[in-house]
N, C-alpha and C. Protein backbone atom coordinates (compact mmCIF):
# COMPACT_ATOMS: atom_id res chain seq x y z
N UNK A 1 14.05 -2.49 18.74
CA UNK A 1 13.08 -2.97 18.89
C UNK A 1 11.91 -2.39 19.95
N UNK A 2 10.99 -2.00 19.91
CA UNK A 2 9.74 -1.44 20.90
C UNK A 2 8.71 -2.04 21.27
N UNK A 3 8.75 -2.37 22.48
CA UNK A 3 7.54 -3.24 22.96
C UNK A 3 6.26 -2.37 22.76
N UNK A 4 5.88 -1.10 23.00
CA UNK A 4 4.80 -0.29 22.79
C UNK A 4 4.12 -0.89 21.52
N UNK A 5 2.27 -0.43 21.60
CA UNK A 5 1.97 -0.71 20.51
C UNK A 5 1.49 0.28 19.56
N UNK A 6 1.96 0.21 18.20
CA UNK A 6 1.79 1.36 17.48
C UNK A 6 0.09 1.84 17.33
N UNK A 7 -0.21 3.26 17.26
CA UNK A 7 -1.18 3.79 17.30
C UNK A 7 -1.65 3.67 15.80
N UNK A 8 -2.69 3.66 15.09
CA UNK A 8 -3.01 3.90 14.19
C UNK A 8 -4.28 5.00 13.82
N UNK A 9 -4.27 5.61 12.77
CA UNK A 9 -4.73 6.64 12.46
C UNK A 9 -4.71 7.27 11.11
N UNK A 10 -5.76 7.96 10.64
CA UNK A 10 -5.41 8.76 9.43
C UNK A 10 -4.45 9.96 9.16
N UNK A 11 -3.76 9.90 8.06
CA UNK A 11 -2.61 10.40 7.99
C UNK A 11 -3.05 11.99 7.98
N UNK A 12 -2.12 12.93 8.11
CA UNK A 12 -1.98 14.00 7.96
C UNK A 12 -1.40 14.89 7.31
N UNK A 13 -0.93 16.26 6.58
CA UNK A 13 0.15 16.40 6.15
C UNK A 13 1.46 16.48 6.92
N UNK A 14 1.15 16.68 8.50
CA UNK A 14 2.50 16.46 8.97
C UNK A 14 3.16 15.04 9.28
N UNK A 15 2.70 13.94 8.56
CA UNK A 15 3.02 12.61 8.71
C UNK A 15 3.96 12.56 7.18
N UNK A 16 3.80 13.36 6.48
CA UNK A 16 4.36 13.14 5.12
C UNK A 16 5.88 13.11 5.18
N UNK A 17 6.54 13.72 6.22
CA UNK A 17 7.77 13.70 5.97
C UNK A 17 8.56 12.28 6.48
N UNK A 18 7.33 11.95 7.71
CA UNK A 18 7.79 10.55 7.97
C UNK A 18 7.69 9.19 7.00
N UNK A 19 6.56 9.51 5.88
CA UNK A 19 6.07 8.51 4.87
C UNK A 19 7.10 8.43 3.83
N UNK A 20 7.75 9.65 3.43
CA UNK A 20 8.59 10.01 2.62
C UNK A 20 9.77 9.04 3.07
N UNK A 21 10.07 9.21 4.56
CA UNK A 21 11.54 8.53 5.08
C UNK A 21 11.29 7.17 4.93
N UNK A 22 10.46 6.47 5.36
CA UNK A 22 10.08 5.27 5.49
C UNK A 22 9.84 4.73 3.92
N UNK A 23 9.49 5.52 3.17
CA UNK A 23 9.11 4.70 1.63
C UNK A 23 10.64 4.98 0.85
N UNK A 24 11.57 5.79 1.24
CA UNK A 24 12.86 6.00 0.70
C UNK A 24 13.68 4.57 0.92
N UNK A 25 13.57 4.31 2.52
CA UNK A 25 13.95 3.18 3.25
C UNK A 25 13.84 2.10 2.49
N UNK A 26 12.51 1.90 1.84
CA UNK A 26 12.11 0.62 1.38
C UNK A 26 11.99 0.44 -0.28
N UNK A 27 12.71 1.31 -1.02
CA UNK A 27 12.45 1.32 -2.23
C UNK A 27 13.33 0.15 -2.72
N UNK A 28 13.15 -0.63 -3.89
CA UNK A 28 13.74 -1.66 -4.35
C UNK A 28 15.25 -0.82 -4.51
N UNK A 29 15.72 0.03 -5.14
CA UNK A 29 16.96 0.32 -5.40
C UNK A 29 17.78 0.79 -4.01
N UNK A 30 16.57 0.73 -3.07
CA UNK A 30 17.79 0.42 -1.14
C UNK A 30 17.49 -0.35 -0.83
N UNK A 31 17.23 -1.55 -1.31
CA UNK A 31 17.32 -3.17 -0.89
C UNK A 31 15.84 -3.42 -0.42
N UNK A 32 14.95 -2.68 -0.40
CA UNK A 32 13.35 -2.45 -0.13
C UNK A 32 12.92 -3.31 -1.25
N UNK A 33 11.40 -3.42 -1.10
CA UNK A 33 10.30 -4.06 -2.01
C UNK A 33 9.26 -3.12 -2.73
N UNK A 34 9.37 -2.12 -2.36
CA UNK A 34 8.56 -0.85 -2.82
C UNK A 34 8.88 -0.49 -4.69
N UNK A 35 8.39 -0.61 -5.58
CA UNK A 35 8.36 -0.19 -6.82
C UNK A 35 8.30 0.89 -7.18
N UNK A 36 7.18 1.41 -6.82
CA UNK A 36 7.07 3.00 -7.16
C UNK A 36 7.26 4.35 -6.03
N UNK A 37 7.67 5.22 -6.42
CA UNK A 37 8.30 6.32 -5.54
C UNK A 37 7.56 7.33 -5.83
N UNK A 38 6.90 7.90 -4.86
CA UNK A 38 5.88 8.97 -5.06
C UNK A 38 6.60 10.11 -4.42
N UNK A 39 6.08 11.58 -4.60
CA UNK A 39 6.70 13.10 -4.15
C UNK A 39 5.73 13.01 -3.17
N UNK A 40 6.20 14.39 -2.39
CA UNK A 40 5.37 15.02 -1.18
C UNK A 40 4.39 15.64 -1.88
N UNK A 41 4.20 16.05 -3.14
CA UNK A 41 2.66 16.52 -3.55
C UNK A 41 1.87 15.40 -3.66
N UNK A 42 2.16 14.24 -4.26
CA UNK A 42 1.34 13.23 -4.40
C UNK A 42 0.92 12.90 -3.25
N UNK A 43 1.58 12.67 -2.07
CA UNK A 43 0.75 12.38 -0.80
C UNK A 43 -0.09 13.54 -0.51
N UNK A 44 0.43 14.78 -0.58
CA UNK A 44 -0.62 15.59 -0.38
C UNK A 44 -2.08 15.36 -0.84
N UNK A 45 -2.07 15.39 -1.91
CA UNK A 45 -3.32 15.27 -2.46
C UNK A 45 -4.07 13.68 -2.21
N UNK A 46 -2.66 12.60 -2.20
CA UNK A 46 -3.81 11.61 -1.62
C UNK A 46 -4.17 11.58 -0.48
N UNK A 47 -3.52 12.36 0.60
CA UNK A 47 -4.53 12.44 1.91
C UNK A 47 -5.45 13.57 1.95
N UNK A 48 -5.79 13.99 1.21
CA UNK A 48 -6.77 15.09 0.58
C UNK A 48 -7.90 14.36 0.13
N UNK A 49 -7.75 13.27 -0.80
CA UNK A 49 -8.61 12.62 -1.89
C UNK A 49 -9.07 11.36 -1.10
N UNK A 50 -8.35 10.46 -0.45
CA UNK A 50 -8.80 9.45 0.14
C UNK A 50 -8.25 9.15 1.40
N UNK A 51 -8.46 7.55 1.76
CA UNK A 51 -7.64 7.44 3.27
C UNK A 51 -6.24 7.13 3.14
N UNK A 52 -5.55 7.24 3.96
CA UNK A 52 -4.29 7.08 3.90
C UNK A 52 -4.13 6.77 5.64
N UNK A 53 -4.05 5.97 5.85
CA UNK A 53 -3.58 5.21 7.51
C UNK A 53 -2.51 5.15 7.45
N UNK A 54 -1.80 5.54 8.96
CA UNK A 54 -0.38 5.54 9.40
C UNK A 54 -0.18 4.92 10.81
N UNK A 55 0.55 4.42 10.90
CA UNK A 55 0.89 3.70 12.59
C UNK A 55 2.16 4.52 12.90
N UNK A 56 2.09 4.99 14.12
CA UNK A 56 3.04 5.64 15.03
C UNK A 56 3.57 4.93 15.87
N UNK A 57 4.53 4.49 16.40
CA UNK A 57 5.01 4.26 17.96
C UNK A 57 5.61 5.21 18.47
N UNK A 58 5.06 6.06 19.32
CA UNK A 58 5.50 7.07 20.02
C UNK A 58 5.59 8.40 19.04
N UNK A 59 6.32 8.59 18.51
CA UNK A 59 6.22 10.12 17.78
C UNK A 59 6.61 9.59 16.59
N UNK A 60 7.41 8.35 16.29
CA UNK A 60 7.88 7.93 15.06
C UNK A 60 6.84 6.92 14.30
N UNK A 61 7.05 7.66 13.04
CA UNK A 61 5.89 6.52 12.24
C UNK A 61 6.77 5.30 11.48
N UNK A 62 5.86 4.35 11.88
CA UNK A 62 6.45 3.09 11.33
C UNK A 62 5.74 2.16 10.28
N UNK A 63 4.75 2.97 9.71
CA UNK A 63 3.76 2.08 8.93
C UNK A 63 2.75 3.05 8.36
N UNK A 64 2.61 2.51 6.90
CA UNK A 64 1.35 3.48 6.09
C UNK A 64 0.78 2.51 5.37
N UNK A 65 -0.40 2.82 4.92
CA UNK A 65 -1.03 2.01 3.76
C UNK A 65 -1.99 3.13 3.14
N UNK A 66 -2.32 3.19 1.70
CA UNK A 66 -2.49 4.43 0.95
C UNK A 66 -3.45 3.68 0.13
N UNK A 67 -4.54 4.08 -0.22
CA UNK A 67 -5.74 4.20 -1.13
C UNK A 67 -5.89 5.55 -1.97
N UNK A 68 -6.25 5.11 -3.13
CA UNK A 68 -6.81 6.32 -4.38
C UNK A 68 -7.19 5.97 -5.13
N UNK A 69 -8.17 6.87 -5.68
CA UNK A 69 -9.08 6.44 -6.72
C UNK A 69 -8.02 5.98 -7.81
N UNK A 70 -8.54 5.29 -8.93
CA UNK A 70 -7.54 4.73 -9.62
C UNK A 70 -7.01 5.91 -10.72
N UNK A 71 -7.68 7.05 -11.01
CA UNK A 71 -7.38 8.06 -11.88
C UNK A 71 -6.20 8.67 -10.97
N UNK A 72 -5.69 8.52 -9.97
CA UNK A 72 -4.46 9.15 -9.42
C UNK A 72 -3.24 8.72 -9.44
N UNK A 73 -3.39 7.53 -9.69
CA UNK A 73 -2.27 6.78 -10.31
C UNK A 73 -1.96 6.06 -11.87
N UNK A 74 -3.14 6.95 -12.94
CA UNK A 74 -3.42 6.27 -13.98
C UNK A 74 -2.41 6.54 -15.20
N UNK A 75 -1.24 7.74 -14.56
CA UNK A 75 -0.06 8.08 -15.57
C UNK A 75 1.01 6.89 -15.26
N UNK A 76 0.84 6.52 -14.41
CA UNK A 76 2.39 5.36 -14.23
C UNK A 76 2.14 4.30 -15.14
N UNK A 77 2.85 4.08 -15.50
CA UNK A 77 3.16 2.41 -16.45
C UNK A 77 3.01 1.22 -15.56
N UNK A 78 3.29 1.11 -14.54
CA UNK A 78 3.14 0.23 -13.76
C UNK A 78 1.24 -0.19 -13.53
N UNK A 79 0.49 1.05 -13.24
CA UNK A 79 -0.52 1.11 -13.30
C UNK A 79 -1.19 0.78 -14.03
N UNK A 80 -0.86 1.38 -15.38
CA UNK A 80 -1.72 1.11 -16.71
C UNK A 80 -1.53 -0.16 -17.10
N UNK A 81 -0.48 -0.98 -16.84
CA UNK A 81 -0.37 -2.62 -17.30
C UNK A 81 -1.25 -3.09 -16.16
N UNK A 82 -1.20 -2.64 -14.77
CA UNK A 82 -2.08 -3.22 -13.92
C UNK A 82 -3.67 -3.33 -14.43
N UNK A 83 -4.03 -2.38 -14.95
CA UNK A 83 -5.37 -1.90 -15.08
C UNK A 83 -5.98 -2.54 -16.41
N UNK A 84 -4.72 -2.54 -17.54
CA UNK A 84 -4.99 -3.77 -18.86
C UNK A 84 -5.61 -4.90 -17.94
N UNK A 85 -4.59 -5.35 -17.15
CA UNK A 85 -4.67 -6.69 -16.96
C UNK A 85 -5.98 -6.93 -15.87
N UNK A 86 -6.23 -6.07 -15.26
CA UNK A 86 -7.75 -6.18 -14.60
C UNK A 86 -7.78 -4.60 -13.78
N UNK A 87 -9.14 -4.38 -14.80
CA UNK A 87 -9.67 -3.13 -14.61
C UNK A 87 -10.58 -2.76 -13.39
N UNK A 88 -10.96 -3.82 -12.35
CA UNK A 88 -11.66 -3.45 -11.42
C UNK A 88 -13.19 -3.78 -11.56
N UNK A 89 -13.89 -3.50 -10.68
CA UNK A 89 -15.33 -3.25 -10.68
C UNK A 89 -15.80 -1.41 -10.38
N UNK A 90 -16.50 -1.17 -11.21
CA UNK A 90 -17.52 0.15 -10.66
C UNK A 90 -16.49 0.78 -9.04
N UNK A 91 -16.55 2.09 -9.37
CA UNK A 91 -15.98 2.59 -7.69
C UNK A 91 -14.49 1.72 -6.86
N UNK A 92 -14.25 0.89 -7.87
CA UNK A 92 -12.86 0.28 -7.33
C UNK A 92 -11.75 1.45 -7.14
N UNK A 93 -11.00 0.95 -6.24
CA UNK A 93 -9.61 2.27 -6.10
C UNK A 93 -8.54 1.18 -5.41
N UNK A 94 -7.40 1.86 -5.86
CA UNK A 94 -6.09 1.46 -5.75
C UNK A 94 -5.75 1.41 -4.51
N UNK A 95 -5.47 -0.16 -4.14
CA UNK A 95 -4.66 -0.04 -2.67
C UNK A 95 -3.73 -0.12 -2.15
N UNK A 96 -2.84 0.67 -1.40
CA UNK A 96 -1.42 0.27 -1.70
C UNK A 96 -0.57 1.31 -2.44
N UNK A 97 0.84 1.81 -1.79
CA UNK A 97 1.59 0.62 -1.14
C UNK A 97 1.20 0.54 0.18
N UNK A 98 1.73 -0.87 0.96
CA UNK A 98 1.47 -0.63 2.51
C UNK A 98 3.18 -0.99 2.74
N UNK A 99 3.43 -0.24 3.75
CA UNK A 99 4.71 -0.26 4.38
C UNK A 99 5.01 -0.12 5.50
N UNK A 100 5.91 -0.93 6.12
CA UNK A 100 6.32 -1.07 7.21
C UNK A 100 7.66 -0.96 7.86
N UNK A 101 8.18 -0.35 8.85
CA UNK A 101 9.65 -0.45 9.00
C UNK A 101 9.83 -1.70 9.67
N UNK A 102 11.28 -1.71 9.23
CA UNK A 102 11.72 -3.16 9.69
C UNK A 102 11.79 -3.77 10.71
N UNK A 103 11.72 -2.63 11.80
CA UNK A 103 11.49 -2.89 13.22
C UNK A 103 10.54 -3.32 13.50
N UNK A 104 9.29 -3.36 12.85
CA UNK A 104 8.03 -3.72 13.56
C UNK A 104 7.15 -4.38 12.52
N UNK A 105 7.84 -5.25 11.74
CA UNK A 105 7.49 -6.55 10.68
C UNK A 105 7.08 -7.83 11.49
N UNK A 106 6.55 -8.28 11.17
CA UNK A 106 6.21 -9.85 11.72
C UNK A 106 5.22 -9.51 13.06
N UNK A 107 4.69 -8.41 13.09
CA UNK A 107 4.06 -8.05 14.51
C UNK A 107 2.76 -7.88 14.04
N UNK A 108 2.14 -8.23 13.28
CA UNK A 108 0.74 -7.90 12.42
C UNK A 108 0.23 -6.49 12.35
N UNK A 109 1.00 -5.56 12.11
CA UNK A 109 0.70 -4.09 12.09
C UNK A 109 0.48 -4.09 10.39
N UNK A 110 0.59 -4.65 9.43
CA UNK A 110 0.15 -5.05 7.75
C UNK A 110 -1.15 -4.90 8.23
N UNK A 111 -1.49 -5.96 8.82
CA UNK A 111 -2.82 -6.74 8.86
C UNK A 111 -3.71 -5.53 9.70
N UNK A 112 -3.19 -5.02 10.37
CA UNK A 112 -4.16 -3.96 11.39
C UNK A 112 -4.30 -2.58 10.78
N UNK A 113 -2.82 -2.29 9.80
CA UNK A 113 -3.56 -1.07 8.86
C UNK A 113 -4.30 -1.13 7.90
N UNK A 114 -4.20 -2.67 7.32
CA UNK A 114 -5.35 -3.05 6.12
C UNK A 114 -6.38 -3.20 6.61
N UNK A 115 -6.91 -3.42 7.89
CA UNK A 115 -8.44 -3.59 8.47
C UNK A 115 -8.85 -1.89 8.80
N UNK A 116 -7.98 -1.19 9.18
CA UNK A 116 -8.23 -0.10 9.58
C UNK A 116 -8.48 1.15 8.42
N UNK A 117 -7.98 0.66 6.94
CA UNK A 117 -8.41 1.17 5.53
C UNK A 117 -9.65 0.76 5.26
N UNK A 118 -9.70 -0.80 5.29
CA UNK A 118 -11.28 -1.09 5.05
C UNK A 118 -12.39 -0.86 5.63
N UNK A 119 -12.07 -0.73 6.79
CA UNK A 119 -12.62 0.19 7.92
C UNK A 119 -13.73 1.70 6.99
N UNK A 120 -13.02 2.47 6.56
CA UNK A 120 -12.43 3.48 5.96
C UNK A 120 -13.62 3.62 4.42
N UNK A 121 -13.37 2.50 3.98
CA UNK A 121 -14.17 2.10 2.49
C UNK A 121 -14.92 1.03 2.52
N UNK A 122 -15.90 0.98 3.49
CA UNK A 122 -16.81 -0.44 3.18
C UNK A 122 -17.30 -0.76 1.96
N UNK A 123 -17.62 -1.76 1.65
CA UNK A 123 -18.48 -2.22 0.69
C UNK A 123 -17.58 -1.91 -0.82
N UNK A 124 -16.55 -1.57 -0.81
CA UNK A 124 -15.42 -0.87 -2.13
C UNK A 124 -14.55 -2.33 -2.39
N UNK A 125 -14.38 -2.37 -3.52
CA UNK A 125 -13.42 -3.41 -4.08
C UNK A 125 -11.93 -2.43 -3.74
N UNK A 126 -11.16 -2.99 -3.35
CA UNK A 126 -9.78 -2.63 -3.76
C UNK A 126 -8.65 -3.54 -4.18
N UNK A 127 -7.71 -3.07 -4.93
CA UNK A 127 -6.82 -4.07 -5.56
C UNK A 127 -5.70 -3.26 -5.66
N UNK A 128 -4.36 -4.33 -5.96
CA UNK A 128 -3.18 -3.52 -5.96
C UNK A 128 -2.21 -4.56 -6.67
N UNK A 129 -0.89 -4.25 -7.00
CA UNK A 129 -0.12 -5.42 -7.69
C UNK A 129 0.82 -5.45 -6.81
N UNK A 130 1.67 -7.11 -6.66
CA UNK A 130 2.70 -7.44 -6.11
C UNK A 130 3.81 -7.99 -6.99
N UNK A 131 4.90 -7.60 -7.20
CA UNK A 131 6.07 -8.73 -7.41
C UNK A 131 5.59 -10.08 -7.35
N UNK A 132 5.56 -11.38 -8.54
CA UNK A 132 5.43 -12.47 -7.95
C UNK A 132 6.17 -13.12 -7.41
N UNK A 133 7.44 -12.36 -7.58
CA UNK A 133 8.86 -12.90 -6.26
C UNK A 133 9.03 -12.47 -5.23
N UNK A 134 8.12 -11.56 -4.78
CA UNK A 134 7.71 -11.26 -3.70
C UNK A 134 7.09 -11.74 -2.52
N UNK A 135 7.62 -12.86 -1.86
CA UNK A 135 6.46 -14.24 -1.48
C UNK A 135 6.23 -13.52 -0.07
N UNK A 136 7.12 -13.10 0.79
CA UNK A 136 6.75 -12.41 1.87
C UNK A 136 5.05 -11.27 1.95
N UNK A 137 5.27 -10.69 0.90
CA UNK A 137 3.74 -9.65 0.46
C UNK A 137 2.76 -10.90 0.49
N UNK A 138 2.90 -11.37 -0.63
CA UNK A 138 2.06 -12.21 -1.18
C UNK A 138 1.28 -13.47 0.30
N UNK A 139 2.06 -13.54 0.70
CA UNK A 139 1.85 -14.37 1.99
C UNK A 139 0.94 -13.34 2.91
N UNK A 140 1.59 -12.06 3.26
CA UNK A 140 0.85 -11.35 4.03
C UNK A 140 -0.77 -10.81 3.39
N UNK A 141 -0.53 -10.73 2.19
CA UNK A 141 -1.79 -10.59 1.39
C UNK A 141 -2.79 -11.21 0.94
N UNK A 142 -2.24 -12.50 1.29
CA UNK A 142 -3.24 -13.51 1.46
C UNK A 142 -3.72 -13.86 2.71
N UNK A 143 -3.29 -13.88 3.82
CA UNK A 143 -3.57 -13.92 5.13
C UNK A 143 -4.92 -12.55 5.36
N UNK A 144 -4.67 -11.76 4.62
CA UNK A 144 -5.72 -10.53 4.62
C UNK A 144 -7.02 -10.71 3.94
N UNK A 145 -6.90 -11.96 3.08
CA UNK A 145 -8.01 -12.56 2.12
C UNK A 145 -8.14 -11.71 0.99
N UNK A 146 -6.93 -11.47 0.49
CA UNK A 146 -6.88 -10.85 -0.74
C UNK A 146 -6.77 -12.13 -1.44
N UNK A 147 -7.34 -12.17 -3.02
CA UNK A 147 -7.42 -13.41 -3.91
C UNK A 147 -6.42 -12.74 -5.17
N UNK A 148 -5.58 -13.73 -5.71
CA UNK A 148 -5.34 -13.40 -7.25
C UNK A 148 -6.31 -13.30 -8.10
N UNK A 149 -6.13 -12.11 -8.80
CA UNK A 149 -7.27 -11.85 -9.86
C UNK A 149 -6.54 -11.98 -11.49
N UNK A 150 -5.04 -11.12 -11.17
CA UNK A 150 -4.63 -11.51 -12.74
C UNK A 150 -3.06 -11.13 -12.50
N UNK A 151 -2.58 -11.29 -13.83
CA UNK A 151 -1.04 -11.29 -13.66
C UNK A 151 -0.76 -10.33 -15.12
N UNK A 152 0.46 -9.87 -14.48
CA UNK A 152 0.79 -9.19 -15.97
C UNK A 152 2.45 -9.20 -16.00
N UNK A 153 3.16 -8.98 -17.18
CA UNK A 153 4.63 -8.65 -17.12
C UNK A 153 4.62 -6.93 -17.49
N UNK A 154 6.06 -6.81 -16.85
CA UNK A 154 6.42 -5.24 -17.32
C UNK A 154 7.69 -5.55 -16.89
N UNK A 155 8.46 -5.27 -18.28
CA UNK A 155 9.63 -5.59 -18.53
C UNK A 155 10.30 -7.11 -17.98
N UNK A 156 11.33 -7.49 -17.24
CA UNK A 156 11.52 -8.45 -17.03
C UNK A 156 10.98 -8.89 -15.80
N UNK A 157 10.05 -8.07 -15.10
CA UNK A 157 9.06 -8.78 -13.85
C UNK A 157 7.84 -9.01 -14.11
N UNK A 158 7.18 -9.95 -13.37
CA UNK A 158 5.93 -10.45 -13.24
C UNK A 158 5.26 -10.10 -12.31
N UNK A 159 4.13 -9.54 -12.30
CA UNK A 159 3.25 -9.16 -11.13
C UNK A 159 2.03 -9.80 -11.17
N UNK A 160 1.37 -9.88 -10.05
CA UNK A 160 0.08 -10.63 -9.76
C UNK A 160 -0.48 -9.58 -8.87
N UNK A 161 -1.91 -9.49 -9.25
CA UNK A 161 -2.71 -8.36 -9.13
C UNK A 161 -3.69 -9.25 -8.05
N UNK A 162 -4.26 -8.74 -7.12
CA UNK A 162 -4.60 -9.01 -5.78
C UNK A 162 -5.95 -8.01 -5.42
N UNK A 163 -6.99 -8.74 -5.19
CA UNK A 163 -8.02 -7.77 -4.87
C UNK A 163 -9.04 -8.19 -3.99
N UNK A 164 -9.88 -7.50 -3.09
CA UNK A 164 -10.46 -8.22 -2.35
C UNK A 164 -11.82 -6.98 -1.91
N UNK A 165 -12.95 -7.20 -1.32
CA UNK A 165 -14.37 -6.73 -1.33
C UNK A 165 -13.96 -6.04 -0.05
N UNK A 166 -14.20 -4.76 0.39
CA UNK A 166 -14.10 -3.74 1.59
C UNK A 166 -15.12 -4.17 2.43
């Protein structure tokens, strides 16, 4: 673990390799909590279309948070289920995922990334889903001021939709 304070900035294409690495280490099938795997091309488009914020500790990428237009992920069955449960307000965007390297968890980095993202998208509603059994994520998102707005089931998992006003 390092004692330096990670720097938060808008992501660039050069950050994609680090984002993909962090994503892979945190997928559910690798013991993490992320439910959806995104491709390199998807991240290129996300960075071009909306705010993606990253945290770097020196040269190492240690966290990211994504925002996308609702249409960017509308093809995904999980997103479709979320939008049926909660379509959001006009101009709303999909928040997340947010991902923090294990070495940097519990130090306020998720909240710092979230606040940086909100500053980029003021006065707009953002929302996402969290597996109901992911109590750590639900607690962090509640600390961020997000409120539960809906619930949906996909397969054997229950998801909670949380939203906030930017």
